[in-house]
Amino acid sequence: MEKHLLGRFGEVIASRYLRCHGYDVVCAHYNCRLGEIDIVAEDRKFISFVEVKTRSENMKYSPADAVDYFKRNKIIAASQLYLKEHHIDKQPRFDIIEVYFQGDEPVKINHIEGAFDGKGQ
């Protein structure tokens, strides 16, 4: 499967995962002048800004490792604009969902809640 299609399929799987775990997916592919957020989801306490990383299972490093300081800061900036536009008063949280594939089949999902804070750490 092409890399772009694999990434989009991973986002669909991550959205399903979130719904099955009690989240409402309120937005997918939020784009603004400051950056992009793959998924915006809410539960009772948090509004989660989720970065989805999709990889083959035999990779030598974690997909979350691809969310470097620069990428985290773009997500944070985009999330701040999202919060201003939508007047949301829930606690923001930054998550990463890793979706591992073997061939064309998803074989593992790893949801890292609070993967980084509002300062990119």
PDB file of N, CA and C in Angstrom:
ATOM      1  N   MET A   1       0.848  -1.179   0.000  1.00  0.00           N
ATOM      2  CA  MET A   1       0.000   0.000   0.000  1.00  0.00           C
ATOM      3  C   MET A   1       0.897   1.248   0.000  1.00  0.00           C
ATOM      4  N   GLU A   2       0.483   2.273  -0.744  1.00  0.00           N
ATOM      5  CA  GLU A   2       1.253   3.509  -0.806  1.00  0.00           C
ATOM      6  C   GLU A   2       1.304   4.176   0.564  1.00  0.00           C
ATOM      7  N   LYS A   3       2.404   4.883   0.811  1.00  0.00           N
ATOM      8  CA  LYS A   3       2.617   5.513   2.111  1.00  0.00           C
ATOM      9  C   LYS A   3       1.491   6.481   2.476  1.00  0.00           C
ATOM     10  N   HIS A   4       1.050   7.303   1.524  1.00  0.00           N
ATOM     11  CA  HIS A   4      -0.018   8.269   1.782  1.00  0.00           C
ATOM     12  C   HIS A   4      -1.322   7.552   2.153  1.00  0.00           C
ATOM     13  N   LEU A   5      -1.657   6.511   1.408  1.00  0.00           N
ATOM     14  CA  LEU A   5      -2.882   5.757   1.697  1.00  0.00           C
ATOM     15  C   LEU A   5      -2.781   5.026   3.029  1.00  0.00           C
ATOM     16  N   LEU A   6      -1.614   4.501   3.329  1.00  0.00           N
ATOM     17  CA  LEU A   6      -1.400   3.824   4.604  1.00  0.00           C
ATOM     18  C   LEU A   6      -1.611   4.801   5.762  1.00  0.00           C
ATOM     19  N   GLY A   7      -1.115   6.017   5.625  1.00  0.00           N
ATOM     20  CA  GLY A   7      -1.300   7.040   6.652  1.00  0.00           C
ATOM     21  C   GLY A   7      -2.764   7.387   6.856  1.00  0.00           C
ATOM     22  N   ARG A   8      -3.508   7.553   5.777  1.00  0.00           N
ATOM     23  CA  ARG A   8      -4.939   7.864   5.888  1.00  0.00           C
ATOM     24  C   ARG A   8      -5.704   6.696   6.500  1.00  0.00           C
ATOM     25  N   PHE A   9      -5.357   5.488   6.109  1.00  0.00           N
ATOM     26  CA  PHE A   9      -5.998   4.307   6.679  1.00  0.00           C
ATOM     27  C   PHE A   9      -5.704   4.234   8.177  1.00  0.00           C
ATOM     28  N   GLY A  10      -4.485   4.567   8.567  1.00  0.00           N
ATOM     29  CA  GLY A  10      -4.134   4.597   9.986  1.00  0.00           C
ATOM     30  C   GLY A  10      -4.973   5.599  10.752  1.00  0.00           C
ATOM     31  N   GLU A  11      -5.266   6.740  10.149  1.00  0.00           N
ATOM     32  CA  GLU A  11      -6.105   7.745  10.800  1.00  0.00           C
ATOM     33  C   GLU A  11      -7.542   7.252  10.975  1.00  0.00           C
ATOM     34  N   VAL A  12      -8.048   6.521   9.991  1.00  0.00           N
ATOM     35  CA  VAL A  12      -9.389   5.939  10.105  1.00  0.00           C
ATOM     36  C   VAL A  12      -9.421   4.924  11.247  1.00  0.00           C
ATOM     37  N   ILE A  13      -8.404   4.089  11.317  1.00  0.00           N
ATOM     38  CA  ILE A  13      -8.325   3.089  12.387  1.00  0.00           C
ATOM     39  C   ILE A  13      -8.210   3.767  13.748  1.00  0.00           C
ATOM     40  N   ALA A  14      -7.410   4.828  13.833  1.00  0.00           N
ATOM     41  CA  ALA A  14      -7.259   5.566  15.097  1.00  0.00           C
ATOM     42  C   ALA A  14      -8.591   6.190  15.516  1.00  0.00           C
ATOM     43  N   SER A  15      -9.340   6.730  14.572  1.00  0.00           N
ATOM     44  CA  SER A  15     -10.658   7.302  14.892  1.00  0.00           C
ATOM     45  C   SER A  15     -11.599   6.236  15.431  1.00  0.00           C
ATOM     46  N   ARG A  16     -11.615   5.075  14.804  1.00  0.00           N
ATOM     47  CA  ARG A  16     -12.450   3.961  15.293  1.00  0.00           C
ATOM     48  C   ARG A  16     -12.040   3.550  16.697  1.00  0.00           C
ATOM     49  N   TYR A  17     -10.743   3.470  16.914  1.00  0.00           N
ATOM     50  CA  TYR A  17     -10.215   3.112  18.232  1.00  0.00           C
ATOM     51  C   TYR A  17     -10.713   4.091  19.284  1.00  0.00           C
ATOM     52  N   LEU A  18     -10.591   5.387  18.988  1.00  0.00           N
ATOM     53  CA  LEU A  18     -11.022   6.407  19.940  1.00  0.00           C
ATOM     54  C   LEU A  18     -12.519   6.282  20.247  1.00  0.00           C
ATOM     55  N   ARG A  19     -13.341   6.099  19.221  1.00  0.00           N
ATOM     56  CA  ARG A  19     -14.784   5.945  19.441  1.00  0.00           C
ATOM     57  C   ARG A  19     -15.079   4.734  20.317  1.00  0.00           C
ATOM     58  N   CYS A  20     -14.380   3.647  20.075  1.00  0.00           N
ATOM     59  CA  CYS A  20     -14.590   2.424  20.868  1.00  0.00           C
ATOM     60  C   CYS A  20     -14.145   2.594  22.318  1.00  0.00           C
ATOM     61  N   HIS A  21     -13.328   3.598  22.580  1.00  0.00           N
ATOM     62  CA  HIS A  21     -12.832   3.841  23.931  1.00  0.00           C
ATOM     63  C   HIS A  21     -13.461   5.084  24.565  1.00  0.00           C
ATOM     64  N   GLY A  22     -14.653   5.440  24.094  1.00  0.00           N
ATOM     65  CA  GLY A  22     -15.442   6.470  24.750  1.00  0.00           C
ATOM     66  C   GLY A  22     -15.209   7.905  24.331  1.00  0.00           C
ATOM     67  N   TYR A  23     -14.463   8.116  23.274  1.00  0.00           N
ATOM     68  CA  TYR A  23     -14.224   9.468  22.788  1.00  0.00           C
ATOM     69  C   TYR A  23     -15.236   9.826  21.701  1.00  0.00           C
ATOM     70  N   ASP A  24     -15.530  11.102  21.587  1.00  0.00           N
ATOM     71  CA  ASP A  24     -16.254  11.643  20.444  1.00  0.00           C
ATOM     72  C   ASP A  24     -15.215  12.279  19.533  1.00  0.00           C
ATOM     73  N   VAL A  25     -15.151  11.818  18.306  1.00  0.00           N
ATOM     74  CA  VAL A  25     -14.244  12.431  17.333  1.00  0.00           C
ATOM     75  C   VAL A  25     -14.982  13.633  16.758  1.00  0.00           C
ATOM     76  N   VAL A  26     -14.495  14.824  17.067  1.00  0.00           N
ATOM     77  CA  VAL A  26     -15.193  16.043  16.656  1.00  0.00           C
ATOM     78  C   VAL A  26     -14.621  16.657  15.382  1.00  0.00           C
ATOM     79  N   CYS A  27     -13.413  16.275  15.032  1.00  0.00           N
ATOM     80  CA  CYS A  27     -12.800  16.842  13.830  1.00  0.00           C
ATOM     81  C   CYS A  27     -11.661  15.936  13.378  1.00  0.00           C
ATOM     82  N   ALA A  28     -11.557  15.801  12.068  1.00  0.00           N
ATOM     83  CA  ALA A  28     -10.414  15.095  11.486  1.00  0.00           C
ATOM     84  C   ALA A  28      -9.766  16.017  10.462  1.00  0.00           C
ATOM     85  N   HIS A  29      -8.480  15.995  10.407  1.00  0.00           N
ATOM     86  CA  HIS A  29      -7.712  16.796   9.446  1.00  0.00           C
ATOM     87  C   HIS A  29      -7.951  18.292   9.619  1.00  0.00           C
ATOM     88  N   TYR A  30      -7.840  18.771  10.831  1.00  0.00           N
ATOM     89  CA  TYR A  30      -7.963  20.215  11.071  1.00  0.00           C
ATOM     90  C   TYR A  30      -6.725  20.901  10.517  1.00  0.00           C
ATOM     91  N   ASN A  31      -6.937  21.789   9.573  1.00  0.00           N
ATOM     92  CA  ASN A  31      -5.841  22.545   8.970  1.00  0.00           C
ATOM     93  C   ASN A  31      -6.051  24.028   9.204  1.00  0.00           C
ATOM     94  N   CYS A  32      -4.990  24.709   9.543  1.00  0.00           N
ATOM     95  CA  CYS A  32      -5.023  26.161   9.673  1.00  0.00           C
ATOM     96  C   CYS A  32      -3.665  26.693   9.242  1.00  0.00           C
ATOM     97  N   ARG A  33      -3.512  27.984   9.292  1.00  0.00           N
ATOM     98  CA  ARG A  33      -2.258  28.601   8.851  1.00  0.00           C
ATOM     99  C   ARG A  33      -1.066  28.207   9.725  1.00  0.00           C
ATOM    100  N   LEU A  34      -1.343  27.701  10.922  1.00  0.00           N
ATOM    101  CA  LEU A  34      -0.272  27.371  11.864  1.00  0.00           C
ATOM    102  C   LEU A  34       0.143  25.903  11.841  1.00  0.00           C
ATOM    103  N   GLY A  35      -0.686  25.050  11.252  1.00  0.00           N
ATOM    104  CA  GLY A  35      -0.351  23.636  11.213  1.00  0.00           C
ATOM    105  C   GLY A  35      -1.561  22.762  10.998  1.00  0.00           C
ATOM    106  N   GLU A  36      -1.395  21.490  11.292  1.00  0.00           N
ATOM    107  CA  GLU A  36      -2.446  20.496  11.076  1.00  0.00           C
ATOM    108  C   GLU A  36      -2.554  19.603  12.304  1.00  0.00           C
ATOM    109  N   ILE A  37      -3.779  19.181  12.582  1.00  0.00           N
ATOM    110  CA  ILE A  37      -4.027  18.210  13.635  1.00  0.00           C
ATOM    111  C   ILE A  37      -4.789  17.059  12.985  1.00  0.00           C
ATOM    112  N   ASP A  38      -4.287  15.842  13.178  1.00  0.00           N
ATOM    113  CA  ASP A  38      -4.920  14.681  12.547  1.00  0.00           C
ATOM    114  C   ASP A  38      -6.334  14.453  13.063  1.00  0.00           C
ATOM    115  N   ILE A  39      -6.487  14.405  14.396  1.00  0.00           N
ATOM    116  CA  ILE A  39      -7.788  14.129  14.999  1.00  0.00           C
ATOM    117  C   ILE A  39      -7.964  15.011  16.230  1.00  0.00           C
ATOM    118  N   VAL A  40      -9.156  15.579  16.364  1.00  0.00           N
ATOM    119  CA  VAL A  40      -9.545  16.266  17.593  1.00  0.00           C
ATOM    120  C   VAL A  40     -10.668  15.432  18.190  1.00  0.00           C
ATOM    121  N   ALA A  41     -10.473  14.981  19.429  1.00  0.00           N
ATOM    122  CA  ALA A  41     -11.451  14.107  20.080  1.00  0.00           C
ATOM    123  C   ALA A  41     -11.691  14.578  21.508  1.00  0.00           C
ATOM    124  N   GLU A  42     -12.886  14.302  22.006  1.00  0.00           N
ATOM    125  CA  GLU A  42     -13.243  14.694  23.370  1.00  0.00           C
ATOM    126  C   GLU A  42     -13.722  13.485  24.153  1.00  0.00           C
ATOM    127  N   ASP A  43     -13.391  13.494  25.430  1.00  0.00           N
ATOM    128  CA  ASP A  43     -14.055  12.603  26.373  1.00  0.00           C
ATOM    129  C   ASP A  43     -14.654  13.512  27.440  1.00  0.00           C
ATOM    130  N   ARG A  44     -15.035  12.974  28.570  1.00  0.00           N
ATOM    131  CA  ARG A  44     -15.693  13.796  29.582  1.00  0.00           C
ATOM    132  C   ARG A  44     -14.806  14.898  30.141  1.00  0.00           C
ATOM    133  N   LYS A  45     -13.519  14.633  30.217  1.00  0.00           N
ATOM    134  CA  LYS A  45     -12.602  15.556  30.885  1.00  0.00           C
ATOM    135  C   LYS A  45     -11.700  16.345  29.934  1.00  0.00           C
ATOM    136  N   PHE A  46     -11.277  15.735  28.842  1.00  0.00           N
ATOM    137  CA  PHE A  46     -10.248  16.318  27.978  1.00  0.00           C
ATOM    138  C   PHE A  46     -10.732  16.569  26.565  1.00  0.00           C
ATOM    139  N   ILE A  47     -10.096  17.538  25.930  1.00  0.00           N
ATOM    140  CA  ILE A  47     -10.121  17.635  24.478  1.00  0.00           C
ATOM    141  C   ILE A  47      -8.721  17.219  24.042  1.00  0.00           C
ATOM    142  N   SER A  48      -8.661  16.173  23.251  1.00  0.00           N
ATOM    143  CA  SER A  48      -7.377  15.593  22.856  1.00  0.00           C
ATOM    144  C   SER A  48      -7.051  15.945  21.417  1.00  0.00           C
ATOM    145  N   PHE A  49      -5.846  16.449  21.239  1.00  0.00           N
ATOM    146  CA  PHE A  49      -5.319  16.733  19.918  1.00  0.00           C
ATOM    147  C   PHE A  49      -4.383  15.574  19.599  1.00  0.00           C
ATOM    148  N   VAL A  50      -4.777  14.786  18.614  1.00  0.00           N
ATOM    149  CA  VAL A  50      -4.134  13.492  18.382  1.00  0.00           C
ATOM    150  C   VAL A  50      -3.332  13.505  17.088  1.00  0.00           C
ATOM    151  N   GLU A  51      -2.079  13.153  17.202  1.00  0.00           N
ATOM    152  CA  GLU A  51      -1.223  12.931  16.046  1.00  0.00           C
ATOM    153  C   GLU A  51      -1.161  11.428  15.809  1.00  0.00           C
ATOM    154  N   VAL A  52      -1.450  11.007  14.587  1.00  0.00           N
ATOM    155  CA  VAL A  52      -1.453   9.584  14.244  1.00  0.00           C
ATOM    156  C   VAL A  52      -0.205   9.284  13.427  1.00  0.00           C
ATOM    157  N   LYS A  53       0.514   8.262  13.844  1.00  0.00           N
ATOM    158  CA  LYS A  53       1.698   7.815  13.121  1.00  0.00           C
ATOM    159  C   LYS A  53       1.516   6.348  12.758  1.00  0.00           C
ATOM    160  N   THR A  54       1.654   6.065  11.481  1.00  0.00           N
ATOM    161  CA  THR A  54       1.438   4.720  10.956  1.00  0.00           C
ATOM    162  C   THR A  54       2.752   4.181  10.408  1.00  0.00           C
ATOM    163  N   ARG A  55       3.084   2.969  10.804  1.00  0.00           N
ATOM    164  CA  ARG A  55       4.341   2.371  10.372  1.00  0.00           C
ATOM    165  C   ARG A  55       4.173   0.868  10.177  1.00  0.00           C
ATOM    166  N   SER A  56       5.123   0.301   9.460  1.00  0.00           N
ATOM    167  CA  SER A  56       5.213  -1.156   9.368  1.00  0.00           C
ATOM    168  C   SER A  56       5.707  -1.677  10.701  1.00  0.00           C
ATOM    169  N   GLU A  57       5.278  -2.863  11.046  1.00  0.00           N
ATOM    170  CA  GLU A  57       5.602  -3.413  12.362  1.00  0.00           C
ATOM    171  C   GLU A  57       7.095  -3.643  12.557  1.00  0.00           C
ATOM    172  N   ASN A  58       7.835  -3.841  11.495  1.00  0.00           N
ATOM    173  CA  ASN A  58       9.256  -4.185  11.634  1.00  0.00           C
ATOM    174  C   ASN A  58      10.182  -2.969  11.646  1.00  0.00           C
ATOM    175  N   MET A  59       9.658  -1.791  11.923  1.00  0.00           N
ATOM    176  CA  MET A  59      10.493  -0.591  11.995  1.00  0.00           C
ATOM    177  C   MET A  59      11.398  -0.672  13.229  1.00  0.00           C
ATOM    178  N   LYS A  60      12.558  -0.058  13.129  1.00  0.00           N
ATOM    179  CA  LYS A  60      13.524  -0.114  14.225  1.00  0.00           C
ATOM    180  C   LYS A  60      13.266   0.924  15.304  1.00  0.00           C
ATOM    181  N   TYR A  61      12.438   1.920  15.018  1.00  0.00           N
ATOM    182  CA  TYR A  61      12.155   2.943  16.007  1.00  0.00           C
ATOM    183  C   TYR A  61      10.643   3.124  16.138  1.00  0.00           C
ATOM    184  N   SER A  62      10.262   3.726  17.219  1.00  0.00           N
ATOM    185  CA  SER A  62       8.848   3.959  17.508  1.00  0.00           C
ATOM    186  C   SER A  62       8.284   5.025  16.584  1.00  0.00           C
ATOM    187  N   PRO A  63       7.057   4.851  16.106  1.00  0.00           N
ATOM    188  CA  PRO A  63       6.431   5.898  15.298  1.00  0.00           C
ATOM    189  C   PRO A  63       6.356   7.233  16.044  1.00  0.00           C
ATOM    190  N   ALA A  64       6.173   7.194  17.360  1.00  0.00           N
ATOM    191  CA  ALA A  64       6.096   8.425  18.150  1.00  0.00           C
ATOM    192  C   ALA A  64       7.389   9.233  18.067  1.00  0.00           C
ATOM    193  N   ASP A  65       8.510   8.577  17.790  1.00  0.00           N
ATOM    194  CA  ASP A  65       9.787   9.272  17.665  1.00  0.00           C
ATOM    195  C   ASP A  65       9.790  10.270  16.505  1.00  0.00           C
ATOM    196  N   ALA A  66       8.871  10.072  15.534  1.00  0.00           N
ATOM    197  CA  ALA A  66       8.777  10.979  14.390  1.00  0.00           C
ATOM    198  C   ALA A  66       8.107  12.302  14.760  1.00  0.00           C
ATOM    199  N   VAL A  67       7.491  12.364  15.932  1.00  0.00           N
ATOM    200  CA  VAL A  67       6.846  13.602  16.383  1.00  0.00           C
ATOM    201  C   VAL A  67       7.902  14.385  17.178  1.00  0.00           C
ATOM    202  N   ASP A  68       8.727  15.073  16.423  1.00  0.00           N
ATOM    203  CA  ASP A  68       9.839  15.797  17.033  1.00  0.00           C
ATOM    204  C   ASP A  68       9.385  17.131  17.616  1.00  0.00           C
ATOM    205  N   TYR A  69      10.313  17.874  18.167  1.00  0.00           N
ATOM    206  CA  TYR A  69      10.010  19.152  18.822  1.00  0.00           C
ATOM    207  C   TYR A  69       9.324  20.123  17.860  1.00  0.00           C
ATOM    208  N   PHE A  70       9.799  20.200  16.635  1.00  0.00           N
ATOM    209  CA  PHE A  70       9.215  21.095  15.636  1.00  0.00           C
ATOM    210  C   PHE A  70       7.764  20.712  15.352  1.00  0.00           C
ATOM    211  N   LYS A  71       7.514  19.426  15.148  1.00  0.00           N
ATOM    212  CA  LYS A  71       6.152  18.944  14.870  1.00  0.00           C
ATOM    213  C   LYS A  71       5.245  19.186  16.072  1.00  0.00           C
ATOM    214  N   ARG A  72       5.730  18.918  17.275  1.00  0.00           N
ATOM    215  CA  ARG A  72       4.930  19.156  18.478  1.00  0.00           C
ATOM    216  C   ARG A  72       4.525  20.628  18.589  1.00  0.00           C
ATOM    217  N   ASN A  73       5.447  21.530  18.301  1.00  0.00           N
ATOM    218  CA  ASN A  73       5.138  22.958  18.388  1.00  0.00           C
ATOM    219  C   ASN A  73       4.105  23.393  17.351  1.00  0.00           C
ATOM    220  N   LYS A  74       4.139  22.802  16.169  1.00  0.00           N
ATOM    221  CA  LYS A  74       3.116  23.107  15.164  1.00  0.00           C
ATOM    222  C   LYS A  74       1.744  22.612  15.631  1.00  0.00           C
ATOM    223  N   ILE A  75       1.700  21.434  16.239  1.00  0.00           N
ATOM    224  CA  ILE A  75       0.433  20.896  16.759  1.00  0.00           C
ATOM    225  C   ILE A  75      -0.083  21.796  17.879  1.00  0.00           C
ATOM    226  N   ILE A  76       0.798  22.221  18.759  1.00  0.00           N
ATOM    227  CA  ILE A  76       0.404  23.096  19.872  1.00  0.00           C
ATOM    228  C   ILE A  76      -0.165  24.414  19.342  1.00  0.00           C
ATOM    229  N   ALA A  77       0.511  25.017  18.367  1.00  0.00           N
ATOM    230  CA  ALA A  77       0.038  26.286  17.808  1.00  0.00           C
ATOM    231  C   ALA A  77      -1.327  26.115  17.144  1.00  0.00           C
ATOM    232  N   ALA A  78      -1.494  25.043  16.375  1.00  0.00           N
ATOM    233  CA  ALA A  78      -2.779  24.786  15.715  1.00  0.00           C
ATOM    234  C   ALA A  78      -3.875  24.528  16.749  1.00  0.00           C
ATOM    235  N   SER A  79      -3.529  23.835  17.830  1.00  0.00           N
ATOM    236  CA  SER A  79      -4.528  23.541  18.859  1.00  0.00           C
ATOM    237  C   SER A  79      -4.973  24.813  19.571  1.00  0.00           C
ATOM    238  N   GLN A  80      -4.062  25.745  19.777  1.00  0.00           N
ATOM    239  CA  GLN A  80      -4.422  27.009  20.417  1.00  0.00           C
ATOM    240  C   GLN A  80      -5.419  27.788  19.555  1.00  0.00           C
ATOM    241  N   LEU A  81      -5.196  27.783  18.256  1.00  0.00           N
ATOM    242  CA  LEU A  81      -6.132  28.445  17.356  1.00  0.00           C
ATOM    243  C   LEU A  81      -7.479  27.718  17.353  1.00  0.00           C
ATOM    244  N   TYR A  82      -7.445  26.390  17.353  1.00  0.00           N
ATOM    245  CA  TYR A  82      -8.678  25.604  17.399  1.00  0.00           C
ATOM    246  C   TYR A  82      -9.480  25.951  18.655  1.00  0.00           C
ATOM    247  N   LEU A  83      -8.819  26.016  19.780  1.00  0.00           N
ATOM    248  CA  LEU A  83      -9.501  26.330  21.040  1.00  0.00           C
ATOM    249  C   LEU A  83     -10.116  27.728  21.016  1.00  0.00           C
ATOM    250  N   LYS A  84      -9.423  28.676  20.412  1.00  0.00           N
ATOM    251  CA  LYS A  84      -9.968  30.035  20.301  1.00  0.00           C
ATOM    252  C   LYS A  84     -11.188  30.065  19.392  1.00  0.00           C
ATOM    253  N   GLU A  85     -11.115  29.346  18.282  1.00  0.00           N
ATOM    254  CA  GLU A  85     -12.215  29.334  17.313  1.00  0.00           C
ATOM    255  C   GLU A  85     -13.466  28.651  17.864  1.00  0.00           C
ATOM    256  N   HIS A  86     -13.276  27.645  18.701  1.00  0.00           N
ATOM    257  CA  HIS A  86     -14.400  26.813  19.147  1.00  0.00           C
ATOM    258  C   HIS A  86     -14.813  27.046  20.600  1.00  0.00           C
ATOM    259  N   HIS A  87     -14.126  27.916  21.309  1.00  0.00           N
ATOM    260  CA  HIS A  87     -14.487  28.286  22.694  1.00  0.00           C
ATOM    261  C   HIS A  87     -14.714  27.057  23.574  1.00  0.00           C
ATOM    262  N   ILE A  88     -13.733  26.204  23.634  1.00  0.00           N
ATOM    263  CA  ILE A  88     -13.818  24.966  24.405  1.00  0.00           C
ATOM    264  C   ILE A  88     -13.135  25.175  25.748  1.00  0.00           C
ATOM    265  N   ASP A  89     -13.790  24.722  26.802  1.00  0.00           N
ATOM    266  CA  ASP A  89     -13.237  24.932  28.132  1.00  0.00           C
ATOM    267  C   ASP A  89     -12.727  23.647  28.782  1.00  0.00           C
ATOM    268  N   LYS A  90     -12.609  22.580  28.027  1.00  0.00           N
ATOM    269  CA  LYS A  90     -12.038  21.349  28.572  1.00  0.00           C
ATOM    270  C   LYS A  90     -10.515  21.455  28.612  1.00  0.00           C
ATOM    271  N   GLN A  91      -9.938  20.623  29.453  1.00  0.00           N
ATOM    272  CA  GLN A  91      -8.483  20.556  29.567  1.00  0.00           C
ATOM    273  C   GLN A  91      -7.897  19.979  28.275  1.00  0.00           C
ATOM    274  N   PRO A  92      -6.986  20.696  27.607  1.00  0.00           N
ATOM    275  CA  PRO A  92      -6.373  20.138  26.395  1.00  0.00           C
ATOM    276  C   PRO A  92      -5.310  19.096  26.753  1.00  0.00           C
ATOM    277  N   ARG A  93      -5.183  18.134  25.869  1.00  0.00           N
ATOM    278  CA  ARG A  93      -4.177  17.092  26.031  1.00  0.00           C
ATOM    279  C   ARG A  93      -3.646  16.732  24.651  1.00  0.00           C
ATOM    280  N   PHE A  94      -2.383  16.389  24.591  1.00  0.00           N
ATOM    281  CA  PHE A  94      -1.742  16.043  23.326  1.00  0.00           C
ATOM    282  C   PHE A  94      -1.381  14.561  23.343  1.00  0.00           C
ATOM    283  N   ASP A  95      -2.027  13.817  22.458  1.00  0.00           N
ATOM    284  CA  ASP A  95      -1.850  12.368  22.377  1.00  0.00           C
ATOM    285  C   ASP A  95      -1.186  11.986  21.061  1.00  0.00           C
ATOM    286  N   ILE A  96      -0.593  10.821  21.071  1.00  0.00           N
ATOM    287  CA  ILE A  96      -0.089  10.196  19.847  1.00  0.00           C
ATOM    288  C   ILE A  96      -0.695   8.805  19.786  1.00  0.00           C
ATOM    289  N   ILE A  97      -1.191   8.444  18.614  1.00  0.00           N
ATOM    290  CA  ILE A  97      -1.640   7.065  18.391  1.00  0.00           C
ATOM    291  C   ILE A  97      -0.738   6.464  17.329  1.00  0.00           C
ATOM    292  N   GLU A  98      -0.095   5.372  17.703  1.00  0.00           N
ATOM    293  CA  GLU A  98       0.751   4.618  16.777  1.00  0.00           C
ATOM    294  C   GLU A  98      -0.076   3.464  16.227  1.00  0.00           C
ATOM    295  N   VAL A  99      -0.096   3.350  14.901  1.00  0.00           N
ATOM    296  CA  VAL A  99      -0.788   2.240  14.256  1.00  0.00           C
ATOM    297  C   VAL A  99       0.265   1.446  13.488  1.00  0.00           C
ATOM    298  N   TYR A 100       0.399   0.189  13.852  1.00  0.00           N
ATOM    299  CA  TYR A 100       1.379  -0.683  13.221  1.00  0.00           C
ATOM    300  C   TYR A 100       0.685  -1.591  12.210  1.00  0.00           C
ATOM    301  N   PHE A 101       1.286  -1.719  11.045  1.00  0.00           N
ATOM    302  CA  PHE A 101       0.756  -2.574   9.989  1.00  0.00           C
ATOM    303  C   PHE A 101       1.737  -3.691   9.677  1.00  0.00           C
ATOM    304  N   GLN A 102       1.161  -4.808   9.288  1.00  0.00           N
ATOM    305  CA  GLN A 102       1.933  -5.901   8.708  1.00  0.00           C
ATOM    306  C   GLN A 102       1.297  -6.135   7.346  1.00  0.00           C
ATOM    307  N   GLY A 103       1.992  -5.752   6.309  1.00  0.00           N
ATOM    308  CA  GLY A 103       1.388  -5.748   4.979  1.00  0.00           C
ATOM    309  C   GLY A 103       0.305  -4.683   4.942  1.00  0.00           C
ATOM    310  N   ASP A 104      -0.897  -5.080   4.543  1.00  0.00           N
ATOM    311  CA  ASP A 104      -2.022  -4.144   4.486  1.00  0.00           C
ATOM    312  C   ASP A 104      -2.938  -4.251   5.695  1.00  0.00           C
ATOM    313  N   GLU A 105      -2.547  -5.009   6.698  1.00  0.00           N
ATOM    314  CA  GLU A 105      -3.407  -5.254   7.854  1.00  0.00           C
ATOM    315  C   GLU A 105      -2.871  -4.571   9.114  1.00  0.00           C
ATOM    316  N   PRO A 106      -3.742  -3.842   9.822  1.00  0.00           N
ATOM    317  CA  PRO A 106      -3.315  -3.280  11.110  1.00  0.00           C
ATOM    318  C   PRO A 106      -3.170  -4.397  12.143  1.00  0.00           C
ATOM    319  N   VAL A 107      -2.057  -4.392  12.865  1.00  0.00           N
ATOM    320  CA  VAL A 107      -1.815  -5.469  13.826  1.00  0.00           C
ATOM    321  C   VAL A 107      -1.678  -4.966  15.268  1.00  0.00           C
ATOM    322  N   LYS A 108      -1.484  -3.653  15.442  1.00  0.00           N
ATOM    323  CA  LYS A 108      -1.295  -3.139  16.802  1.00  0.00           C
ATOM    324  C   LYS A 108      -1.591  -1.644  16.825  1.00  0.00           C
ATOM    325  N   ILE A 109      -2.235  -1.206  17.921  1.00  0.00           N
ATOM    326  CA  ILE A 109      -2.491   0.216  18.147  1.00  0.00           C
ATOM    327  C   ILE A 109      -1.956   0.566  19.529  1.00  0.00           C
ATOM    328  N   ASN A 110      -1.206   1.650  19.601  1.00  0.00           N
ATOM    329  CA  ASN A 110      -0.659   2.124  20.870  1.00  0.00           C
ATOM    330  C   ASN A 110      -1.094   3.575  21.062  1.00  0.00           C
ATOM    331  N   HIS A 111      -1.947   3.823  22.057  1.00  0.00           N
ATOM    332  CA  HIS A 111      -2.440   5.173  22.344  1.00  0.00           C
ATOM    333  C   HIS A 111      -1.611   5.747  23.494  1.00  0.00           C
ATOM    334  N   ILE A 112      -0.863   6.787  23.207  1.00  0.00           N
ATOM    335  CA  ILE A 112      -0.028   7.442  24.212  1.00  0.00           C
ATOM    336  C   ILE A 112      -0.751   8.710  24.646  1.00  0.00           C
ATOM    337  N   GLU A 113      -1.456   8.621  25.763  1.00  0.00           N
ATOM    338  CA  GLU A 113      -2.181   9.778  26.289  1.00  0.00           C
ATOM    339  C   GLU A 113      -1.180  10.728  26.948  1.00  0.00           C
ATOM    340  N   GLY A 114      -1.349  12.024  26.678  1.00  0.00           N
ATOM    341  CA  GLY A 114      -0.435  13.002  27.268  1.00  0.00           C
ATOM    342  C   GLY A 114       0.992  12.805  26.806  1.00  0.00           C
ATOM    343  N   ALA A 115       1.175  12.528  25.521  1.00  0.00           N
ATOM    344  CA  ALA A 115       2.505  12.246  24.981  1.00  0.00           C
ATOM    345  C   ALA A 115       3.453  13.420  25.144  1.00  0.00           C
ATOM    346  N   PHE A 116       2.916  14.639  25.114  1.00  0.00           N
ATOM    347  CA  PHE A 116       3.717  15.833  25.365  1.00  0.00           C
ATOM    348  C   PHE A 116       2.816  16.900  25.949  1.00  0.00           C
ATOM    349  N   ASP A 117       3.437  17.918  26.518  1.00  0.00           N
ATOM    350  CA  ASP A 117       2.651  18.974  27.171  1.00  0.00           C
ATOM    351  C   ASP A 117       2.555  20.209  26.263  1.00  0.00           C
ATOM    352  N   GLY A 118       1.937  21.242  26.772  1.00  0.00           N
ATOM    353  CA  GLY A 118       1.715  22.460  26.014  1.00  0.00           C
ATOM    354  C   GLY A 118       2.964  23.257  25.699  1.00  0.00           C
ATOM    355  N   LYS A 119       4.095  22.806  26.212  1.00  0.00           N
ATOM    356  CA  LYS A 119       5.387  23.434  25.902  1.00  0.00           C
ATOM    357  C   LYS A 119       6.205  22.586  24.940  1.00  0.00           C
ATOM    358  N   GLY A 120       5.632  21.467  24.516  1.00  0.00           N
ATOM    359  CA  GLY A 120       6.328  20.588  23.574  1.00  0.00           C
ATOM    360  C   GLY A 120       7.268  19.610  24.218  1.00  0.00           C
ATOM    361  N   GLN A 121       7.215  19.474  25.534  1.00  0.00           N
ATOM    362  CA  GLN A 121       8.114  18.575  26.250  1.00  0.00           C
ATOM    363  C   GLN A 121       7.515  17.182  26.403  1.00  0.00           C
TER     364      GLN A 121
END
